Amino acid sequence: AGHLRRHGADLRTGTAVENVTPAAQGGYVVTAGGAEHPYD
């Protein structure tokens, strides 16, 4: 985990992903903890 953080990774434990939706403009929207987050 320390190695990943040193490389800029964001580790969100205790956070379940509910669904993944393809975005109209490309990429994906991940719903986790009731919030939506865009990713490539």
PDB file of all heavy atoms in Angstrom:
ATOM      1  N   ALA A   1       0.837  -1.202   0.000  1.00  0.00           N
ATOM      2  CA  ALA A   1       0.000   0.000   0.000  1.00  0.00           C
ATOM      3  C   ALA A   1       0.870   1.248   0.000  1.00  0.00           C
ATOM      4  O   ALA A   1       0.585   2.223  -0.717  1.00  0.00           O
ATOM      5  CB  ALA A   1      -0.929  -0.010   1.210  1.00  0.00           C
ATOM      6  N   GLY A   2       1.934   1.248   0.800  1.00  0.00           N
ATOM      7  CA  GLY A   2       2.848   2.385   0.790  1.00  0.00           C
ATOM      8  C   GLY A   2       3.501   2.574  -0.563  1.00  0.00           C
ATOM      9  O   GLY A   2       3.666   3.704  -1.044  1.00  0.00           O
ATOM     10  N   HIS A   3       3.874   1.483  -1.205  1.00  0.00           N
ATOM     11  CA  HIS A   3       4.461   1.542  -2.547  1.00  0.00           C
ATOM     12  C   HIS A   3       3.480   2.172  -3.534  1.00  0.00           C
ATOM     13  O   HIS A   3       3.863   3.038  -4.344  1.00  0.00           O
ATOM     14  CB  HIS A   3       4.840   0.124  -2.978  1.00  0.00           C
ATOM     15  CG  HIS A   3       5.390   0.022  -4.369  1.00  0.00           C
ATOM     16  ND1 HIS A   3       6.678   0.364  -4.693  1.00  0.00           N
ATOM     17  CD2 HIS A   3       4.801  -0.380  -5.542  1.00  0.00           C
ATOM     18  CE1 HIS A   3       6.881   0.166  -5.995  1.00  0.00           C
ATOM     19  NE2 HIS A   3       5.758  -0.281  -6.525  1.00  0.00           N
ATOM     20  N   LEU A   4       2.230   1.754  -3.474  1.00  0.00           N
ATOM     21  CA  LEU A   4       1.221   2.303  -4.388  1.00  0.00           C
ATOM     22  C   LEU A   4       1.004   3.792  -4.140  1.00  0.00           C
ATOM     23  O   LEU A   4       0.897   4.578  -5.090  1.00  0.00           O
ATOM     24  CB  LEU A   4      -0.090   1.535  -4.221  1.00  0.00           C
ATOM     25  CG  LEU A   4      -0.134   0.156  -4.878  1.00  0.00           C
ATOM     26  CD1 LEU A   4      -1.323  -0.647  -4.360  1.00  0.00           C
ATOM     27  CD2 LEU A   4      -0.223   0.302  -6.394  1.00  0.00           C
ATOM     28  N   ARG A   5       0.939   4.176  -2.891  1.00  0.00           N
ATOM     29  CA  ARG A   5       0.732   5.601  -2.592  1.00  0.00           C
ATOM     30  C   ARG A   5       1.910   6.439  -3.073  1.00  0.00           C
ATOM     31  O   ARG A   5       1.716   7.569  -3.543  1.00  0.00           O
ATOM     32  CB  ARG A   5       0.495   5.782  -1.094  1.00  0.00           C
ATOM     33  CG  ARG A   5      -0.842   5.227  -0.616  1.00  0.00           C
ATOM     34  CD  ARG A   5      -1.142   5.632   0.820  1.00  0.00           C
ATOM     35  NE  ARG A   5      -2.443   5.137   1.244  1.00  0.00           N
ATOM     36  CZ  ARG A   5      -2.630   4.061   2.016  1.00  0.00           C
ATOM     37  NH1 ARG A   5      -1.569   3.375   2.461  1.00  0.00           N
ATOM     38  NH2 ARG A   5      -3.835   3.672   2.344  1.00  0.00           N
ATOM     39  N   ARG A   6       3.115   5.910  -2.960  1.00  0.00           N
ATOM     40  CA  ARG A   6       4.278   6.649  -3.458  1.00  0.00           C
ATOM     41  C   ARG A   6       4.222   6.842  -4.968  1.00  0.00           C
ATOM     42  O   ARG A   6       4.829   7.769  -5.504  1.00  0.00           O
ATOM     43  CB  ARG A   6       5.568   5.925  -3.055  1.00  0.00           C
ATOM     44  CG  ARG A   6       5.903   6.057  -1.565  1.00  0.00           C
ATOM     45  CD  ARG A   6       7.294   5.560  -1.251  1.00  0.00           C
ATOM     46  NE  ARG A   6       7.433   4.124  -1.422  1.00  0.00           N
ATOM     47  CZ  ARG A   6       7.124   3.224  -0.493  1.00  0.00           C
ATOM     48  NH1 ARG A   6       6.641   3.614   0.690  1.00  0.00           N
ATOM     49  NH2 ARG A   6       7.303   1.934  -0.716  1.00  0.00           N
ATOM     50  N   HIS A   7       3.471   5.989  -5.639  1.00  0.00           N
ATOM     51  CA  HIS A   7       3.286   6.135  -7.081  1.00  0.00           C
ATOM     52  C   HIS A   7       1.980   6.853  -7.414  1.00  0.00           C
ATOM     53  O   HIS A   7       1.528   6.819  -8.564  1.00  0.00           O
ATOM     54  CB  HIS A   7       3.329   4.765  -7.763  1.00  0.00           C
ATOM     55  CG  HIS A   7       4.713   4.217  -7.888  1.00  0.00           C
ATOM     56  ND1 HIS A   7       5.569   4.547  -8.914  1.00  0.00           N
ATOM     57  CD2 HIS A   7       5.420   3.367  -7.087  1.00  0.00           C
ATOM     58  CE1 HIS A   7       6.722   3.927  -8.759  1.00  0.00           C
ATOM     59  NE2 HIS A   7       6.656   3.208  -7.655  1.00  0.00           N
ATOM     60  N   GLY A   8       1.392   7.498  -6.430  1.00  0.00           N
ATOM     61  CA  GLY A   8       0.238   8.356  -6.668  1.00  0.00           C
ATOM     62  C   GLY A   8      -1.103   7.670  -6.633  1.00  0.00           C
ATOM     63  O   GLY A   8      -2.124   8.304  -6.957  1.00  0.00           O
ATOM     64  N   ALA A   9      -1.178   6.411  -6.253  1.00  0.00           N
ATOM     65  CA  ALA A   9      -2.459   5.711  -6.222  1.00  0.00           C
ATOM     66  C   ALA A   9      -3.293   6.173  -5.030  1.00  0.00           C
ATOM     67  O   ALA A   9      -2.764   6.475  -3.947  1.00  0.00           O
ATOM     68  CB  ALA A   9      -2.244   4.207  -6.155  1.00  0.00           C
ATOM     69  N   ASP A  10      -4.588   6.216  -5.242  1.00  0.00           N
ATOM     70  CA  ASP A  10      -5.556   6.563  -4.203  1.00  0.00           C
ATOM     71  C   ASP A  10      -6.234   5.274  -3.754  1.00  0.00           C
ATOM     72  O   ASP A  10      -6.948   4.634  -4.543  1.00  0.00           O
ATOM     73  CB  ASP A  10      -6.579   7.548  -4.777  1.00  0.00           C
ATOM     74  CG  ASP A  10      -7.619   7.976  -3.750  1.00  0.00           C
ATOM     75  OD1 ASP A  10      -7.477   7.625  -2.558  1.00  0.00           O
ATOM     76  OD2 ASP A  10      -8.590   8.647  -4.152  1.00  0.00           O
ATOM     77  N   LEU A  11      -6.011   4.853  -2.506  1.00  0.00           N
ATOM     78  CA  LEU A  11      -6.555   3.594  -2.003  1.00  0.00           C
ATOM     79  C   LEU A  11      -7.757   3.878  -1.115  1.00  0.00           C
ATOM     80  O   LEU A  11      -7.628   4.530  -0.069  1.00  0.00           O
ATOM     81  CB  LEU A  11      -5.481   2.836  -1.212  1.00  0.00           C
ATOM     82  CG  LEU A  11      -4.132   2.633  -1.914  1.00  0.00           C
ATOM     83  CD1 LEU A  11      -3.198   1.808  -1.036  1.00  0.00           C
ATOM     84  CD2 LEU A  11      -4.311   1.982  -3.274  1.00  0.00           C
ATOM     85  N   ARG A  12      -8.906   3.386  -1.540  1.00  0.00           N
ATOM     86  CA  ARG A  12     -10.149   3.647  -0.813  1.00  0.00           C
ATOM     87  C   ARG A  12     -10.695   2.342  -0.264  1.00  0.00           C
ATOM     88  O   ARG A  12     -11.538   1.677  -0.886  1.00  0.00           O
ATOM     89  CB  ARG A  12     -11.162   4.329  -1.731  1.00  0.00           C
ATOM     90  CG  ARG A  12     -10.643   5.640  -2.321  1.00  0.00           C
ATOM     91  CD  ARG A  12     -11.679   6.364  -3.142  1.00  0.00           C
ATOM     92  NE  ARG A  12     -11.116   7.575  -3.767  1.00  0.00           N
ATOM     93  CZ  ARG A  12     -11.815   8.429  -4.504  1.00  0.00           C
ATOM     94  NH1 ARG A  12     -13.119   8.224  -4.720  1.00  0.00           N
ATOM     95  NH2 ARG A  12     -11.226   9.491  -5.028  1.00  0.00           N
ATOM     96  N   THR A  13     -10.212   1.955   0.897  1.00  0.00           N
ATOM     97  CA  THR A  13     -10.731   0.758   1.552  1.00  0.00           C
ATOM     98  C   THR A  13     -12.044   1.114   2.238  1.00  0.00           C
ATOM     99  O   THR A  13     -12.364   2.278   2.475  1.00  0.00           O
ATOM    100  CB  THR A  13      -9.723   0.217   2.569  1.00  0.00           C
ATOM    101  OG1 THR A  13      -9.365   1.262   3.482  1.00  0.00           O
ATOM    102  CG2 THR A  13      -8.463  -0.285   1.873  1.00  0.00           C
ATOM    103  N   GLY A  14     -12.817   0.072   2.559  1.00  0.00           N
ATOM    104  CA  GLY A  14     -14.116   0.287   3.168  1.00  0.00           C
ATOM    105  C   GLY A  14     -15.098   0.975   2.233  1.00  0.00           C
ATOM    106  O   GLY A  14     -16.068   1.589   2.690  1.00  0.00           O
ATOM    107  N   THR A  15     -14.876   0.846   0.931  1.00  0.00           N
ATOM    108  CA  THR A  15     -15.719   1.517  -0.060  1.00  0.00           C
ATOM    109  C   THR A  15     -16.125   0.522  -1.129  1.00  0.00           C
ATOM    110  O   THR A  15     -15.289   0.085  -1.938  1.00  0.00           O
ATOM    111  CB  THR A  15     -14.973   2.693  -0.721  1.00  0.00           C
ATOM    112  OG1 THR A  15     -14.467   3.567   0.299  1.00  0.00           O
ATOM    113  CG2 THR A  15     -15.893   3.466  -1.641  1.00  0.00           C
ATOM    114  N   ALA A  16     -17.391   0.141  -1.139  1.00  0.00           N
ATOM    115  CA  ALA A  16     -17.889  -0.823  -2.118  1.00  0.00           C
ATOM    116  C   ALA A  16     -18.354  -0.107  -3.381  1.00  0.00           C
ATOM    117  O   ALA A  16     -18.963   0.966  -3.311  1.00  0.00           O
ATOM    118  CB  ALA A  16     -19.039  -1.636  -1.532  1.00  0.00           C
ATOM    119  N   VAL A  17     -18.068  -0.694  -4.527  1.00  0.00           N
ATOM    120  CA  VAL A  17     -18.552  -0.178  -5.812  1.00  0.00           C
ATOM    121  C   VAL A  17     -19.904  -0.813  -6.105  1.00  0.00           C
ATOM    122  O   VAL A  17     -20.063  -2.037  -6.022  1.00  0.00           O
ATOM    123  CB  VAL A  17     -17.541  -0.481  -6.934  1.00  0.00           C
ATOM    124  CG1 VAL A  17     -18.165  -0.261  -8.305  1.00  0.00           C
ATOM    125  CG2 VAL A  17     -16.306   0.390  -6.760  1.00  0.00           C
ATOM    126  N   GLU A  18     -20.854   0.027  -6.473  1.00  0.00           N
ATOM    127  CA  GLU A  18     -22.219  -0.450  -6.724  1.00  0.00           C
ATOM    128  C   GLU A  18     -22.449  -0.782  -8.187  1.00  0.00           C
ATOM    129  O   GLU A  18     -23.067  -1.804  -8.513  1.00  0.00           O
ATOM    130  CB  GLU A  18     -23.225   0.613  -6.255  1.00  0.00           C
ATOM    131  CG  GLU A  18     -23.106   0.912  -4.763  1.00  0.00           C
ATOM    132  CD  GLU A  18     -23.548   2.320  -4.414  1.00  0.00           C
ATOM    133  OE1 GLU A  18     -24.408   2.867  -5.136  1.00  0.00           O
ATOM    134  OE2 GLU A  18     -23.032   2.871  -3.424  1.00  0.00           O
ATOM    135  N   ASN A  19     -21.963   0.063  -9.092  1.00  0.00           N
ATOM    136  CA  ASN A  19     -22.147  -0.204 -10.508  1.00  0.00           C
ATOM    137  C   ASN A  19     -21.138   0.584 -11.324  1.00  0.00           C
ATOM    138  O   ASN A  19     -20.473   1.498 -10.817  1.00  0.00           O
ATOM    139  CB  ASN A  19     -23.582   0.107 -10.972  1.00  0.00           C
ATOM    140  CG  ASN A  19     -23.970   1.551 -10.711  1.00  0.00           C
ATOM    141  OD1 ASN A  19     -23.407   2.466 -11.306  1.00  0.00           O
ATOM    142  ND2 ASN A  19     -24.926   1.771  -9.805  1.00  0.00           N
ATOM    143  N   VAL A  20     -21.031   0.200 -12.604  1.00  0.00           N
ATOM    144  CA  VAL A  20     -20.136   0.858 -13.556  1.00  0.00           C
ATOM    145  C   VAL A  20     -20.950   1.127 -14.820  1.00  0.00           C
ATOM    146  O   VAL A  20     -21.592   0.216 -15.358  1.00  0.00           O
ATOM    147  CB  VAL A  20     -18.920  -0.022 -13.895  1.00  0.00           C
ATOM    148  CG1 VAL A  20     -18.038   0.665 -14.932  1.00  0.00           C
ATOM    149  CG2 VAL A  20     -18.120  -0.338 -12.628  1.00  0.00           C
ATOM    150  N   THR A  21     -20.920   2.365 -15.289  1.00  0.00           N
ATOM    151  CA  THR A  21     -21.732   2.757 -16.443  1.00  0.00           C
ATOM    152  C   THR A  21     -20.845   3.378 -17.519  1.00  0.00           C
ATOM    153  O   THR A  21     -20.074   4.292 -17.217  1.00  0.00           O
ATOM    154  CB  THR A  21     -22.805   3.783 -16.032  1.00  0.00           C
ATOM    155  OG1 THR A  21     -23.600   3.230 -14.970  1.00  0.00           O
ATOM    156  CG2 THR A  21     -23.702   4.137 -17.212  1.00  0.00           C
ATOM    157  N   PRO A  22     -20.921   2.879 -18.763  1.00  0.00           N
ATOM    158  CA  PRO A  22     -20.188   3.551 -19.839  1.00  0.00           C
ATOM    159  C   PRO A  22     -20.690   4.980 -20.012  1.00  0.00           C
ATOM    160  O   PRO A  22     -21.898   5.230 -20.017  1.00  0.00           O
ATOM    161  CB  PRO A  22     -20.514   2.699 -21.067  1.00  0.00           C
ATOM    162  CG  PRO A  22     -20.937   1.369 -20.518  1.00  0.00           C
ATOM    163  CD  PRO A  22     -21.626   1.673 -19.226  1.00  0.00           C
ATOM    164  N   ALA A  23     -19.752   5.920 -20.115  1.00  0.00           N
ATOM    165  CA  ALA A  23     -20.124   7.328 -20.261  1.00  0.00           C
ATOM    166  C   ALA A  23     -20.335   7.658 -21.738  1.00  0.00           C
ATOM    167  O   ALA A  23     -19.661   7.110 -22.622  1.00  0.00           O
ATOM    168  CB  ALA A  23     -19.033   8.220 -19.670  1.00  0.00           C
ATOM    169  N   ALA A  24     -21.271   8.556 -22.015  1.00  0.00           N
ATOM    170  CA  ALA A  24     -21.598   8.904 -23.397  1.00  0.00           C
ATOM    171  C   ALA A  24     -20.389   9.473 -24.131  1.00  0.00           C
ATOM    172  O   ALA A  24     -20.205   9.238 -25.329  1.00  0.00           O
ATOM    173  CB  ALA A  24     -22.761   9.903 -23.408  1.00  0.00           C
ATOM    174  N   GLN A  25     -19.554  10.217 -23.441  1.00  0.00           N
ATOM    175  CA  GLN A  25     -18.396  10.857 -24.052  1.00  0.00           C
ATOM    176  C   GLN A  25     -17.156   9.967 -24.024  1.00  0.00           C
ATOM    177  O   GLN A  25     -16.064  10.405 -24.402  1.00  0.00           O
ATOM    178  CB  GLN A  25     -18.091  12.190 -23.364  1.00  0.00           C
ATOM    179  CG  GLN A  25     -17.584  12.061 -21.939  1.00  0.00           C
ATOM    180  CD  GLN A  25     -18.695  11.900 -20.918  1.00  0.00           C
ATOM    181  OE1 GLN A  25     -19.832  11.535 -21.258  1.00  0.00           O
ATOM    182  NE2 GLN A  25     -18.384  12.196 -19.656  1.00  0.00           N
ATOM    183  N   GLY A  26     -17.300   8.721 -23.591  1.00  0.00           N
ATOM    184  CA  GLY A  26     -16.176   7.811 -23.458  1.00  0.00           C
ATOM    185  C   GLY A  26     -15.784   7.636 -22.005  1.00  0.00           C
ATOM    186  O   GLY A  26     -16.078   8.481 -21.154  1.00  0.00           O
ATOM    187  N   GLY A  27     -15.138   6.535 -21.720  1.00  0.00           N
ATOM    188  CA  GLY A  27     -14.777   6.251 -20.344  1.00  0.00           C
ATOM    189  C   GLY A  27     -15.940   5.652 -19.576  1.00  0.00           C
ATOM    190  O   GLY A  27     -16.948   5.193 -20.158  1.00  0.00           O
ATOM    191  N   TYR A  28     -15.854   5.711 -18.264  1.00  0.00           N
ATOM    192  CA  TYR A  28     -16.836   5.042 -17.417  1.00  0.00           C
ATOM    193  C   TYR A  28     -17.115   5.881 -16.175  1.00  0.00           C
ATOM    194  O   TYR A  28     -16.259   6.658 -15.731  1.00  0.00           O
ATOM    195  CB  TYR A  28     -16.318   3.663 -16.982  1.00  0.00           C
ATOM    196  CG  TYR A  28     -16.044   2.764 -18.163  1.00  0.00           C
ATOM    197  CD1 TYR A  28     -14.793   2.786 -18.797  1.00  0.00           C
ATOM    198  CD2 TYR A  28     -17.025   1.923 -18.659  1.00  0.00           C
ATOM    199  CE1 TYR A  28     -14.537   1.989 -19.893  1.00  0.00           C
ATOM    200  CE2 TYR A  28     -16.772   1.112 -19.763  1.00  0.00           C
ATOM    201  CZ  TYR A  28     -15.532   1.164 -20.378  1.00  0.00           C
ATOM    202  OH  TYR A  28     -15.288   0.379 -21.473  1.00  0.00           O
ATOM    203  N   VAL A  29     -18.320   5.699 -15.642  1.00  0.00           N
ATOM    204  CA  VAL A  29     -18.688   6.311 -14.373  1.00  0.00           C
ATOM    205  C   VAL A  29     -18.841   5.199 -13.345  1.00  0.00           C
ATOM    206  O   VAL A  29     -19.626   4.262 -13.544  1.00  0.00           O
ATOM    207  CB  VAL A  29     -19.991   7.117 -14.494  1.00  0.00           C
ATOM    208  CG1 VAL A  29     -20.416   7.637 -13.117  1.00  0.00           C
ATOM    209  CG2 VAL A  29     -19.825   8.270 -15.477  1.00  0.00           C
ATOM    210  N   VAL A  30     -18.066   5.292 -12.271  1.00  0.00           N
ATOM    211  CA  VAL A  30     -18.103   4.300 -11.199  1.00  0.00           C
ATOM    212  C   VAL A  30     -18.881   4.889 -10.032  1.00  0.00           C
ATOM    213  O   VAL A  30     -18.557   5.986  -9.547  1.00  0.00           O
ATOM    214  CB  VAL A  30     -16.679   3.917 -10.758  1.00  0.00           C
ATOM    215  CG1 VAL A  30     -16.711   3.036  -9.513  1.00  0.00           C
ATOM    216  CG2 VAL A  30     -15.938   3.217 -11.889  1.00  0.00           C
ATOM    217  N   THR A  31     -19.905   4.181  -9.594  1.00  0.00           N
ATOM    218  CA  THR A  31     -20.686   4.610  -8.430  1.00  0.00           C
ATOM    219  C   THR A  31     -20.201   3.848  -7.205  1.00  0.00           C
ATOM    220  O   THR A  31     -20.256   2.616  -7.162  1.00  0.00           O
ATOM    221  CB  THR A  31     -22.186   4.343  -8.640  1.00  0.00           C
ATOM    222  OG1 THR A  31     -22.615   5.010  -9.838  1.00  0.00           O
ATOM    223  CG2 THR A  31     -22.994   4.857  -7.453  1.00  0.00           C
ATOM    224  N   ALA A  32     -19.708   4.586  -6.234  1.00  0.00           N
ATOM    225  CA  ALA A  32     -19.167   3.982  -5.014  1.00  0.00           C
ATOM    226  C   ALA A  32     -19.514   4.872  -3.837  1.00  0.00           C
ATOM    227  O   ALA A  32     -19.290   6.086  -3.887  1.00  0.00           O
ATOM    228  CB  ALA A  32     -17.658   3.810  -5.119  1.00  0.00           C
ATOM    229  N   GLY A  33     -20.047   4.272  -2.795  1.00  0.00           N
ATOM    230  CA  GLY A  33     -20.410   5.053  -1.620  1.00  0.00           C
ATOM    231  C   GLY A  33     -21.446   6.122  -1.917  1.00  0.00           C
ATOM    232  O   GLY A  33     -21.458   7.172  -1.268  1.00  0.00           O
ATOM    233  N   GLY A  34     -22.301   5.880  -2.904  1.00  0.00           N
ATOM    234  CA  GLY A  34     -23.347   6.826  -3.253  1.00  0.00           C
ATOM    235  C   GLY A  34     -22.892   7.975  -4.124  1.00  0.00           C
ATOM    236  O   GLY A  34     -23.709   8.820  -4.506  1.00  0.00           O
ATOM    237  N   ALA A  35     -21.603   8.030  -4.482  1.00  0.00           N
ATOM    238  CA  ALA A  35     -21.082   9.117  -5.319  1.00  0.00           C
ATOM    239  C   ALA A  35     -20.602   8.555  -6.652  1.00  0.00           C
ATOM    240  O   ALA A  35     -20.205   7.390  -6.759  1.00  0.00           O
ATOM    241  CB  ALA A  35     -19.944   9.840  -4.611  1.00  0.00           C
ATOM    242  N   GLU A  36     -20.648   9.403  -7.688  1.00  0.00           N
ATOM    243  CA  GLU A  36     -20.214   8.985  -9.021  1.00  0.00           C
ATOM    244  C   GLU A  36     -18.850   9.581  -9.339  1.00  0.00           C
ATOM    245  O   GLU A  36     -18.583  10.750  -9.043  1.00  0.00           O
ATOM    246  CB  GLU A  36     -21.239   9.438 -10.069  1.00  0.00           C
ATOM    247  CG  GLU A  36     -22.606   8.767  -9.903  1.00  0.00           C
ATOM    248  CD  GLU A  36     -23.578   9.188 -10.987  1.00  0.00           C
ATOM    249  OE1 GLU A  36     -23.303  10.212 -11.678  1.00  0.00           O
ATOM    250  OE2 GLU A  36     -24.603   8.507 -11.164  1.00  0.00           O
ATOM    251  N   HIS A  37     -17.987   8.747  -9.959  1.00  0.00           N
ATOM    252  CA  HIS A  37     -16.622   9.167 -10.261  1.00  0.00           C
ATOM    253  C   HIS A  37     -16.276   8.739 -11.680  1.00  0.00           C
ATOM    254  O   HIS A  37     -16.442   7.567 -12.036  1.00  0.00           O
ATOM    255  CB  HIS A  37     -15.635   8.520  -9.279  1.00  0.00           C
ATOM    256  CG  HIS A  37     -16.016   8.696  -7.837  1.00  0.00           C
ATOM    257  ND1 HIS A  37     -15.669   9.805  -7.109  1.00  0.00           N
ATOM    258  CD2 HIS A  37     -16.730   7.889  -7.000  1.00  0.00           C
ATOM    259  CE1 HIS A  37     -16.126   9.684  -5.867  1.00  0.00           C
ATOM    260  NE2 HIS A  37     -16.782   8.529  -5.779  1.00  0.00           N
ATOM    261  N   PRO A  38     -15.762   9.657 -12.513  1.00  0.00           N
ATOM    262  CA  PRO A  38     -15.425   9.308 -13.896  1.00  0.00           C
ATOM    263  C   PRO A  38     -13.996   8.758 -14.019  1.00  0.00           C
ATOM    264  O   PRO A  38     -13.070   9.222 -13.338  1.00  0.00           O
ATOM    265  CB  PRO A  38     -15.540  10.651 -14.618  1.00  0.00           C
ATOM    266  CG  PRO A  38     -15.179  11.667 -13.573  1.00  0.00           C
ATOM    267  CD  PRO A  38     -15.643  11.110 -12.253  1.00  0.00           C
ATOM    268  N   TYR A  39     -13.832   7.772 -14.895  1.00  0.00           N
ATOM    269  CA  TYR A  39     -12.515   7.189 -15.175  1.00  0.00           C
ATOM    270  C   TYR A  39     -12.423   6.846 -16.656  1.00  0.00           C
ATOM    271  O   TYR A  39     -13.435   6.557 -17.306  1.00  0.00           O
ATOM    272  CB  TYR A  39     -12.282   5.921 -14.340  1.00  0.00           C
ATOM    273  CG  TYR A  39     -12.283   6.175 -12.853  1.00  0.00           C
ATOM    274  CD1 TYR A  39     -13.434   5.997 -12.098  1.00  0.00           C
ATOM    275  CD2 TYR A  39     -11.141   6.622 -12.213  1.00  0.00           C
ATOM    276  CE1 TYR A  39     -13.452   6.253 -10.738  1.00  0.00           C
ATOM    277  CE2 TYR A  39     -11.143   6.878 -10.845  1.00  0.00           C
ATOM    278  CZ  TYR A  39     -12.300   6.701 -10.117  1.00  0.00           C
ATOM    279  OH  TYR A  39     -12.316   6.969  -8.769  1.00  0.00           O
ATOM    280  N   ASP A  40     -11.207   6.822 -17.158  1.00  0.00           N
ATOM    281  CA  ASP A  40     -11.004   6.419 -18.549  1.00  0.00           C
ATOM    282  C   ASP A  40     -11.194   4.922 -18.732  1.00  0.00           C
ATOM    283  O   ASP A  40     -11.726   4.478 -19.759  1.00  0.00           O
ATOM    284  CB  ASP A  40      -9.604   6.819 -19.013  1.00  0.00           C
ATOM    285  CG  ASP A  40      -9.402   8.322 -19.015  1.00  0.00           C
ATOM    286  OD1 ASP A  40     -10.299   9.031 -19.500  1.00  0.00           O
ATOM    287  OD2 ASP A  40      -8.350   8.781 -18.516  1.00  0.00           O
TER     288      ASP A  40
END
